[in-house]
Protein backbone atom coordinates (compact mmCIF):
# COMPACT_ATOMS: atom_id res chain seq x y z
CA UNK A 1 -23.22 -9.87 11.42
CA UNK A 2 -26.13 -7.50 10.55
CA UNK A 3 -26.57 -6.08 7.03
CA UNK A 4 -27.43 -2.29 7.35
CA UNK A 5 -29.74 -1.24 4.60
CA UNK A 6 -29.22 2.56 4.29
CA UNK A 7 -28.64 5.09 1.76
CA UNK A 8 -27.39 7.81 4.21
CA UNK A 9 -24.07 8.25 5.89
CA UNK A 10 -24.20 6.28 9.22
CA UNK A 11 -23.25 7.97 12.51
CA UNK A 12 -20.50 5.39 12.87
CA UNK A 13 -18.91 5.90 9.39
CA UNK A 14 -15.59 6.85 10.72
CA UNK A 15 -15.54 3.61 12.83
CA UNK A 16 -16.40 1.60 9.73
CA UNK A 17 -13.45 3.23 7.84
CA UNK A 18 -11.07 2.44 10.53
CA UNK A 19 -12.03 -1.22 10.62
CA UNK A 20 -11.63 -1.56 6.95
CA UNK A 21 -8.05 0.28 7.21
CA UNK A 22 -7.01 -1.97 10.03
CA UNK A 23 -8.11 -5.01 8.09
CA UNK A 24 -6.57 -4.05 4.85
CA UNK A 25 -3.13 -3.50 6.77
CA UNK A 26 -3.22 -7.25 7.37
CA UNK A 27 -3.75 -8.05 3.89
CA UNK A 28 -0.78 -8.40 1.42
CA UNK A 29 -1.94 -8.20 -1.99
CA UNK A 30 -5.65 -7.36 -3.12
CA UNK A 31 -6.69 -8.75 -6.53
CA UNK A 32 -9.91 -7.47 -8.19
CA UNK A 33 -11.28 -10.20 -10.58
CA UNK A 34 -13.19 -8.45 -13.47
CA UNK A 35 -14.67 -9.20 -16.79
CA UNK A 36 -16.26 -7.13 -19.45
CA UNK A 37 -19.25 -9.19 -19.95
CA UNK A 38 -20.89 -12.38 -18.25
CA UNK A 39 -20.25 -15.90 -19.47
CA UNK A 40 -16.49 -15.68 -19.84
CA UNK A 41 -15.70 -17.93 -16.64
CA UNK A 42 -14.60 -14.95 -14.49
CA UNK A 43 -16.04 -16.46 -11.24
CA UNK A 44 -14.52 -19.95 -12.04
CA UNK A 45 -11.04 -18.28 -12.72
CA UNK A 46 -11.29 -16.39 -9.38
CA UNK A 47 -12.19 -19.56 -7.43
CA UNK A 48 -9.64 -21.83 -9.26
CA UNK A 49 -6.79 -19.08 -8.93
CA UNK A 50 -7.70 -18.85 -5.10
CA UNK A 51 -7.52 -22.69 -4.78
CA UNK A 52 -4.14 -22.74 -6.49
CA UNK A 53 -2.67 -20.04 -4.53
CA UNK A 54 -3.66 -21.78 -1.42
CA UNK A 55 -2.32 -25.04 -2.36
CA UNK A 56 1.01 -23.19 -2.97
CA UNK A 57 1.10 -22.35 0.77
CA UNK A 58 -0.22 -18.84 0.79
CA UNK A 59 -3.09 -17.60 3.03
CA UNK A 60 -5.97 -16.73 0.88
CA UNK A 61 -9.40 -14.83 1.19
CA UNK A 62 -12.08 -15.11 -1.50
CA UNK A 63 -14.66 -12.38 -1.22
CA UNK A 64 -17.67 -12.85 -3.67
CA UNK A 65 -19.03 -9.47 -4.08
CA UNK A 66 -21.29 -10.39 -7.05
CA UNK A 67 -24.42 -9.64 -4.72
CA UNK A 68 -27.08 -10.38 -7.43
CA UNK A 69 -25.74 -13.42 -8.87
CA UNK A 70 -23.05 -14.93 -6.32
CA UNK A 71 -21.80 -18.23 -7.79
CA UNK A 72 -18.51 -19.00 -5.62
CA UNK A 73 -20.43 -21.12 -3.06
CA UNK A 74 -21.74 -23.26 -5.93
CA UNK A 75 -18.53 -23.42 -7.69
CA UNK A 76 -16.52 -24.50 -4.58
CA UNK A 77 -19.25 -26.61 -2.87
CA UNK A 78 -19.43 -24.26 -0.05
CA UNK A 79 -22.67 -24.93 2.08
CA UNK A 80 -24.32 -23.57 5.18
CA UNK A 81 -24.20 -20.18 6.91
CA UNK A 82 -21.77 -18.04 8.64
CA UNK A 83 -21.21 -17.65 12.42
CA UNK A 84 -20.39 -14.74 14.33
CA UNK A 85 -17.60 -14.61 16.84
CA UNK A 86 -17.25 -13.25 20.31
CA UNK A 87 -16.14 -9.81 18.80
CA UNK A 88 -19.35 -9.89 16.75
CA UNK A 89 -17.19 -10.33 13.56
CA UNK A 90 -18.33 -12.44 10.82
CA UNK A 91 -16.16 -15.64 10.50
CA UNK A 92 -15.50 -16.58 6.99
CA UNK A 93 -16.18 -20.15 5.69
CA UNK A 94 -12.75 -22.35 5.71
CA UNK A 95 -12.97 -24.34 2.63
CA UNK A 96 -9.48 -25.38 3.36
CA UNK A 97 -6.47 -24.74 5.65
CA UNK A 98 -5.41 -21.71 3.77
CA UNK A 99 -8.53 -20.51 1.96
CA UNK A 100 -11.48 -18.73 3.52
CA UNK A 101 -14.57 -17.69 1.59
CA UNK A 102 -17.30 -14.85 2.11
CA UNK A 103 -20.30 -14.57 -0.21
CA UNK A 104 -23.64 -12.98 0.12
CA UNK A 105 -25.11 -16.53 -0.77
CA UNK A 106 -24.10 -17.79 2.67
CA UNK A 107 -26.32 -15.19 4.43
CA UNK A 108 -29.37 -16.04 2.59
CA UNK A 109 -31.79 -18.52 3.95
CA UNK A 110 -33.22 -19.32 0.72
CA UNK A 111 -30.67 -19.97 -2.12
CA UNK A 112 -32.95 -18.90 -4.76
CA UNK A 113 -33.88 -15.54 -2.97
CA UNK A 114 -33.16 -12.65 -5.18
CA UNK A 115 -30.99 -9.72 -3.72
CA UNK A 116 -32.71 -6.35 -4.60
CA UNK A 117 -30.22 -3.64 -3.53
CA UNK A 118 -29.39 -0.32 -4.89
CA UNK A 119 -25.92 1.41 -5.15
CA UNK A 120 -25.40 2.96 -1.78
CA UNK A 121 -26.52 -0.29 0.15
CA UNK A 122 -24.34 -2.37 -2.19
CA UNK A 123 -21.30 0.03 -1.29
CA UNK A 124 -22.08 -0.32 2.52
CA UNK A 125 -22.33 -4.21 2.50
CA UNK A 126 -18.98 -4.40 0.56
CA UNK A 127 -17.29 -2.35 3.19
CA UNK A 128 -18.80 -4.59 5.86
CA UNK A 129 -17.58 -7.66 3.96
CA UNK A 130 -13.95 -6.09 4.31
CA UNK A 131 -13.81 -4.28 7.70
CA UNK A 132 -16.51 -6.47 9.78
CA UNK A 133 -14.99 -9.88 8.76
CA UNK A 134 -12.53 -11.60 10.63
CA UNK A 135 -10.19 -12.32 7.63
CA UNK A 136 -7.07 -12.32 9.85
CA UNK A 137 -3.76 -11.92 8.21
CA UNK A 138 -3.78 -13.00 4.42
CA UNK A 139 -1.25 -13.16 1.66
CA UNK A 140 -3.91 -12.54 -1.05
CA UNK A 141 -7.35 -11.18 -1.02
CA UNK A 142 -9.14 -12.26 -4.44
CA UNK A 143 -12.32 -10.12 -4.84
CA UNK A 144 -14.83 -11.64 -7.51
CA UNK A 145 -16.80 -8.81 -8.94
CA UNK A 146 -19.85 -9.05 -11.15
CA UNK A 147 -19.40 -8.41 -14.88
CA UNK A 148 -19.19 -4.88 -16.28
CA UNK A 149 -18.05 -1.50 -14.63
CA UNK A 150 -21.03 -0.83 -12.30
CA UNK A 151 -21.32 -0.25 -8.61
CA UNK A 152 -19.32 -3.23 -7.23
CA UNK A 153 -15.99 -2.69 -8.91
CA UNK A 154 -16.23 0.95 -8.22
CA UNK A 155 -16.89 0.43 -4.65
CA UNK A 156 -13.82 -2.05 -4.51
CA UNK A 157 -11.65 0.59 -6.11
CA UNK A 158 -12.78 3.29 -3.65
CA UNK A 159 -12.53 1.06 -0.42
CA UNK A 160 -9.18 -0.69 -1.27
CA UNK A 161 -6.78 1.78 -2.63
CA UNK A 162 -4.09 -0.48 -3.58
CA UNK A 163 -6.22 -3.22 -5.15
CA UNK A 164 -4.90 -4.56 -8.69
CA UNK A 165 -7.18 -5.83 -11.59
CA UNK A 166 -6.93 -9.21 -13.14
CA UNK A 167 -9.21 -9.02 -16.22
CA UNK A 168 -10.76 -12.33 -17.54
CA UNK A 169 -11.81 -12.56 -21.24
CA UNK A 170 -12.66 -15.16 -23.90
CA UNK A 171 -11.09 -14.95 -27.28
CA UNK A 172 -13.94 -13.71 -29.31
CA UNK A 173 -14.36 -10.02 -30.20
CA UNK A 174 -18.00 -9.53 -28.61
CA UNK A 175 -16.09 -10.26 -25.31
CA UNK A 176 -13.12 -8.26 -26.05
CA UNK A 177 -14.87 -5.21 -26.92
CA UNK A 178 -16.22 -5.16 -23.36
CA UNK A 179 -12.58 -6.11 -21.84
CA UNK A 180 -11.48 -2.92 -23.40
CA UNK A 181 -14.03 -0.97 -21.43
CA UNK A 182 -13.06 -2.59 -18.44
CA UNK A 183 -9.40 -1.70 -18.99
CA UNK A 184 -10.37 1.94 -19.51
CA UNK A 185 -12.57 1.92 -16.27
CA UNK A 186 -9.60 0.85 -14.32
CA UNK A 187 -7.55 3.74 -15.83
CA UNK A 188 -10.07 6.04 -14.93
CA UNK A 189 -10.60 4.59 -11.56
CA UNK A 190 -6.83 4.66 -11.02
CA UNK A 191 -6.76 0.75 -10.50
CA UNK A 192 -3.56 -0.72 -11.84
CA UNK A 193 -4.14 -3.85 -14.09
CA UNK A 194 -2.03 -6.62 -13.10
CA UNK A 195 -2.96 -8.57 -16.51
CA UNK A 196 -5.38 -10.15 -18.69
CA UNK A 197 -6.29 -13.78 -18.74
CA UNK A 198 -7.90 -15.63 -21.75
CA UNK A 199 -10.16 -18.25 -20.56
CA UNK A 200 -11.69 -21.09 -22.85
CA UNK A 201 -8.89 -20.41 -25.22
CA UNK A 202 -9.00 -23.76 -26.84
CA UNK A 203 -10.93 -27.06 -26.52
CA UNK A 204 -8.61 -30.26 -26.41
CA UNK A 205 -10.55 -33.01 -28.26
CA UNK A 206 -10.72 -35.89 -25.73
CA UNK A 207 -10.59 -38.28 -28.56
CA UNK A 208 -7.71 -37.20 -30.84
CA UNK A 209 -6.08 -34.57 -28.57
CA UNK A 210 -6.41 -31.82 -31.16
CA UNK A 211 -6.96 -28.10 -30.10
CA UNK A 212 -10.21 -26.71 -31.38
CA UNK A 213 -10.42 -22.92 -31.14
CA UNK A 214 -14.08 -22.45 -30.33
CA UNK A 215 -14.17 -18.75 -30.07
CA UNK A 216 -11.23 -17.67 -32.24
CA UNK A 217 -7.39 -17.73 -31.52
CA UNK A 218 -5.16 -15.41 -29.80
CA UNK A 219 -7.66 -12.43 -29.14
CA UNK A 220 -6.73 -12.05 -25.52
CA UNK A 221 -3.06 -11.74 -26.18
CA UNK A 222 -3.52 -9.26 -29.17
CA UNK A 223 -5.97 -7.28 -26.98
CA UNK A 224 -3.48 -6.98 -24.13
CA UNK A 225 -0.80 -5.95 -26.57
CA UNK A 226 -3.16 -3.39 -27.96
CA UNK A 227 -4.27 -1.89 -24.71
CA UNK A 228 -0.57 -2.17 -23.27
CA UNK A 229 -1.37 -4.47 -20.24
CA UNK A 230 0.37 -7.61 -19.29
CA UNK A 231 -0.88 -11.11 -20.74
CA UNK A 232 -0.92 -13.29 -17.89
CA UNK A 233 -1.87 -16.53 -19.99
CA UNK A 234 -4.64 -18.67 -21.28
CA UNK A 235 -6.64 -21.38 -19.75
CA UNK A 236 -8.09 -24.09 -22.04
CA UNK A 237 -11.63 -25.15 -22.38
CA UNK A 238 -12.16 -28.22 -20.36
CA UNK A 239 -15.51 -29.89 -20.22
CA UNK A 240 -14.48 -31.29 -16.57
CA UNK A 241 -14.20 -27.78 -15.34
CA UNK A 242 -17.92 -26.92 -16.44
CA UNK A 243 -19.01 -30.28 -14.57
CA UNK A 244 -16.63 -29.32 -11.69
CA UNK A 245 -18.34 -25.91 -11.43
CA UNK A 246 -21.86 -27.49 -11.39
CA UNK A 247 -21.02 -30.19 -8.90
CA UNK A 248 -18.92 -27.91 -6.55
CA UNK A 249 -15.86 -30.11 -7.22
CA UNK A 250 -13.49 -27.09 -8.53
CA UNK A 251 -11.16 -27.82 -5.56
CA UNK A 252 -10.68 -31.21 -6.78
CA UNK A 253 -10.28 -30.17 -10.36
CA UNK A 254 -7.56 -27.51 -9.61
CA UNK A 255 -5.60 -30.13 -7.89
CA UNK A 256 -5.62 -32.65 -10.83
CA UNK A 257 -1.85 -32.64 -12.01
CA UNK A 258 -2.77 -34.72 -15.01
CA UNK A 259 -5.22 -32.13 -16.56
CA UNK A 260 -4.21 -29.40 -19.16
CA UNK A 261 -6.43 -26.81 -17.33
CA UNK A 262 -4.64 -27.50 -13.86
CA UNK A 263 -1.14 -27.12 -15.63
CA UNK A 264 -2.19 -23.88 -17.27
CA UNK A 265 -3.86 -22.83 -13.96
CA UNK A 266 -0.49 -23.54 -12.12
CA UNK A 267 1.49 -21.51 -14.45
CA UNK A 268 -1.27 -18.55 -14.28
CA UNK A 269 -0.78 -18.61 -10.46
CA UNK A 270 2.95 -18.45 -10.98
CA UNK A 271 2.81 -15.29 -13.10
CA UNK A 272 0.44 -13.60 -10.63
CA UNK A 273 2.83 -14.35 -7.89
CA UNK A 274 5.57 -12.97 -9.88
CA UNK A 275 3.77 -9.85 -10.86
CA UNK A 276 2.88 -9.07 -7.27
CA UNK A 277 6.42 -9.32 -6.24
CA UNK A 278 8.88 -6.58 -6.49
CA UNK A 279 10.88 -6.61 -9.79
CA UNK A 280 14.46 -7.20 -9.83
CA UNK A 281 16.88 -4.21 -10.08
CA UNK A 282 18.37 -3.92 -13.69
CA UNK A 283 22.23 -4.41 -13.98
CA UNK A 284 23.35 -1.44 -15.93
CA UNK A 285 25.46 -1.84 -19.15
CA UNK A 286 26.35 1.56 -20.17
CA UNK A 287 27.58 4.18 -17.50
CA UNK A 288 28.02 2.84 -14.01
CA UNK A 289 29.35 4.98 -11.20
CA UNK A 290 29.26 3.61 -7.57
CA UNK A 291 29.30 5.65 -4.49
CA UNK A 292 29.36 2.22 -2.58
CA UNK A 293 30.39 -1.09 -4.20
CA UNK A 294 27.50 -3.29 -3.98
CA UNK A 295 27.23 -7.23 -4.16
CA UNK A 296 25.27 -9.40 -6.66
CA UNK A 297 22.62 -9.75 -3.89
CA UNK A 298 20.66 -6.42 -3.95
CA UNK A 299 18.91 -5.27 -0.69
CA UNK A 300 15.15 -5.49 -1.18
CA UNK A 301 14.66 -2.05 0.61
CA UNK A 302 16.34 -0.45 -2.29
CA UNK A 303 14.26 1.80 -4.48
CA UNK A 304 15.21 2.70 -8.04
CA UNK A 305 14.42 6.28 -9.07
CA UNK A 306 14.44 7.32 -12.89
CA UNK A 307 15.03 10.84 -14.05
CA UNK A 308 14.73 11.66 -17.69
CA UNK A 309 17.60 13.95 -18.88
CA UNK A 310 18.79 16.01 -21.94
CA UNK A 311 22.25 17.27 -21.66
CA UNK A 312 22.58 16.23 -18.18
CA UNK A 313 19.54 17.99 -16.68
CA UNK A 314 15.89 16.92 -16.23
CA UNK A 315 14.21 16.78 -19.58
CA UNK A 316 11.15 18.68 -19.92
CA UNK A 317 9.39 16.02 -22.08
CA UNK A 318 9.43 12.49 -20.58
CA UNK A 319 8.98 10.76 -24.00
CA UNK A 320 11.71 12.47 -25.81
CA UNK A 321 14.69 12.50 -23.40
CA UNK A 322 18.30 11.47 -24.30
CA UNK A 323 18.81 9.39 -21.48
CA UNK A 324 17.49 8.12 -18.05
CA UNK A 325 19.49 8.40 -15.07
CA UNK A 326 18.77 5.62 -12.55
CA UNK A 327 19.48 6.17 -8.92
CA UNK A 328 19.30 3.34 -6.38
CA UNK A 329 18.22 4.71 -2.97
CA UNK A 330 18.63 2.88 0.37
CA UNK A 331 16.71 4.62 3.07
CA UNK A 332 18.02 8.36 2.54
CA UNK A 333 21.25 7.42 0.95
CA UNK A 334 21.91 7.38 -2.72
CA UNK A 335 23.94 4.23 -3.52
CA UNK A 336 24.27 3.95 -7.21
CA UNK A 337 23.79 6.10 -10.27
CA UNK A 338 23.42 4.68 -13.69
CA UNK A 339 22.81 6.35 -17.06
CA UNK A 340 21.05 4.48 -19.82
CA UNK A 341 19.75 5.30 -23.01
CA UNK A 342 15.89 4.66 -23.46
CA UNK A 343 14.50 2.46 -26.67
CA UNK A 344 13.25 4.65 -29.65
CA UNK A 345 10.19 6.52 -28.79
CA UNK A 346 6.78 4.59 -29.43
CA UNK A 347 3.52 5.28 -27.55
CA UNK A 348 3.29 3.29 -24.29
CA UNK A 349 6.71 1.71 -24.61
CA UNK A 350 8.68 3.60 -22.01
CA UNK A 351 6.53 2.44 -19.12
CA UNK A 352 7.03 -1.25 -20.08
CA UNK A 353 10.71 -0.59 -20.39
CA UNK A 354 11.18 1.32 -17.08
CA UNK A 355 9.27 -1.42 -15.42
CA UNK A 356 11.61 -3.99 -16.69
CA UNK A 357 14.68 -1.87 -15.17
CA UNK A 358 13.01 -2.24 -11.77
CA UNK A 359 12.02 1.44 -11.50
CA UNK A 360 9.72 2.21 -8.54
CA UNK A 361 9.60 6.03 -9.06
CA UNK A 362 9.97 8.51 -11.94
CA UNK A 363 10.61 12.15 -11.38
CA UNK A 364 9.75 14.02 -14.51
CA UNK A 365 9.01 17.52 -15.79
CA UNK A 366 6.16 17.07 -18.14
CA UNK A 367 4.40 13.80 -18.86
CA UNK A 368 0.92 13.17 -20.40
CA UNK A 369 -1.81 11.45 -18.34
CA UNK A 370 -1.68 8.26 -20.66
CA UNK A 371 1.99 7.65 -19.62
CA UNK A 372 1.19 8.47 -15.87
CA UNK A 373 -1.45 5.70 -15.97
CA UNK A 374 0.63 3.08 -17.68
CA UNK A 375 3.27 3.58 -15.07
CA UNK A 376 0.98 3.43 -12.39
CA UNK A 377 -0.46 0.31 -13.66
CA UNK A 378 2.93 -1.21 -13.41
CA UNK A 379 3.43 -0.08 -9.81
CA UNK A 380 5.62 2.86 -10.52
CA UNK A 381 4.81 5.98 -8.64
CA UNK A 382 5.19 9.14 -10.84
CA UNK A 383 6.15 12.81 -9.81
CA UNK A 384 5.74 15.38 -12.33
CA UNK A 385 6.42 19.09 -12.77
CA UNK A 386 9.90 18.81 -11.16
CA UNK A 387 12.23 21.64 -12.00
CA UNK A 388 15.07 21.58 -14.35
CA UNK A 389 17.99 20.35 -12.26
CA UNK A 390 20.90 17.57 -12.03
CA UNK A 391 18.98 14.39 -11.39
CA UNK A 392 21.21 13.46 -8.32
CA UNK A 393 20.14 17.04 -6.77
CA UNK A 394 16.46 16.32 -7.63
CA UNK A 395 16.48 12.89 -5.79
CA UNK A 396 18.50 14.16 -2.98
CA UNK A 397 15.78 17.09 -2.49
CA UNK A 398 12.98 14.70 -2.95
CA UNK A 399 14.48 12.63 -0.03
CA UNK A 400 15.03 15.55 2.04
CA UNK A 401 11.33 16.65 1.56
CA UNK A 402 12.27 19.98 -0.03
CA UNK A 403 11.74 19.44 -3.82
CA UNK A 404 9.25 21.89 -4.98
CA UNK A 405 7.22 21.16 -8.26
CA UNK A 406 5.57 23.80 -10.53
CA UNK A 407 3.57 23.63 -13.82
CA UNK A 408 3.34 20.46 -16.04
CA UNK A 409 4.98 21.45 -19.14
CA UNK A 410 3.54 18.50 -21.07
CA UNK A 411 -0.13 18.84 -22.05
CA UNK A 412 -0.70 15.75 -24.23
């Protein structure tokens, strides 16, 4: 694989885009591992999470795009260089049966060589690492980015449209203030945040077993609540993790069932898997009108559409509706209609509540951009500026492709 150093659009750009698109179609979930600042253990979390997902039987690719300070090979003990297959595509390093790794470090003859590249070159290299690498079919692609909100995470956001962010922090405010910047970056770049991970949450004393909060307590969870993102969990400060990263033994450390770090890591991986899976459909408790009786097992192809209403018609203001009409759609057929009262209006609450109801699409009249971003972060598509009409008529017209939207009546 030849790294092309160019700051102009190459003649074969369309071919490059096509290769990226074809490869991304073969990857299930794409996770961007971010942090607001360095030193919070982001790369260690990316490596350990990749190992744990692979141990659970998923096919995982780990892409290190920290081009100036790659640390994944050191953390995982990956050595040597890549080879290119007959199709002139780079073959990832197989760390284990279900885990394959790519890092610029493995392209350098001198491990201490400095990579001095500017933004356009880095963007091109990242596209090559996705489109010109023979990743095969993956359940997860884990992308480890450098700290901050610079060229690399922006390139990933532009190259992988359905990527979700996992943001890593430590509990102290100096890290959390930069985490808030990362969350706002994701919202501006339209990257849904899968959740926040608090690393180095507490040190378990090897002598007495008491927890020592070296960097404060609970800062990650409080920040997740304040910024209205999901809290994925905490990982303890374990001195053996530090040693494992220095010696390349993270694979063995993540597989140690007796360590508190391994147990917390396993729980974190389970939450990631759960968040990447479609949410269950909500069983209504208020008004329930079936057009077809359904069994307790719901077809996974059903999409739940939510319409905010007042007096039985679409409500102009999303956050102040009387009820939500939830319509379950299979293909082009409306199978179930449910009316439910929303919780009392609080900023940021409705997106969380709708996600809990299993909603996949919201058709609204007016909606503020903040609400749109929060819904999209939870994997809920949003259609605004819909006309006032009966919810079932709106959904039917949407399914027929005849729904015409006008001016957004919400300006906040």
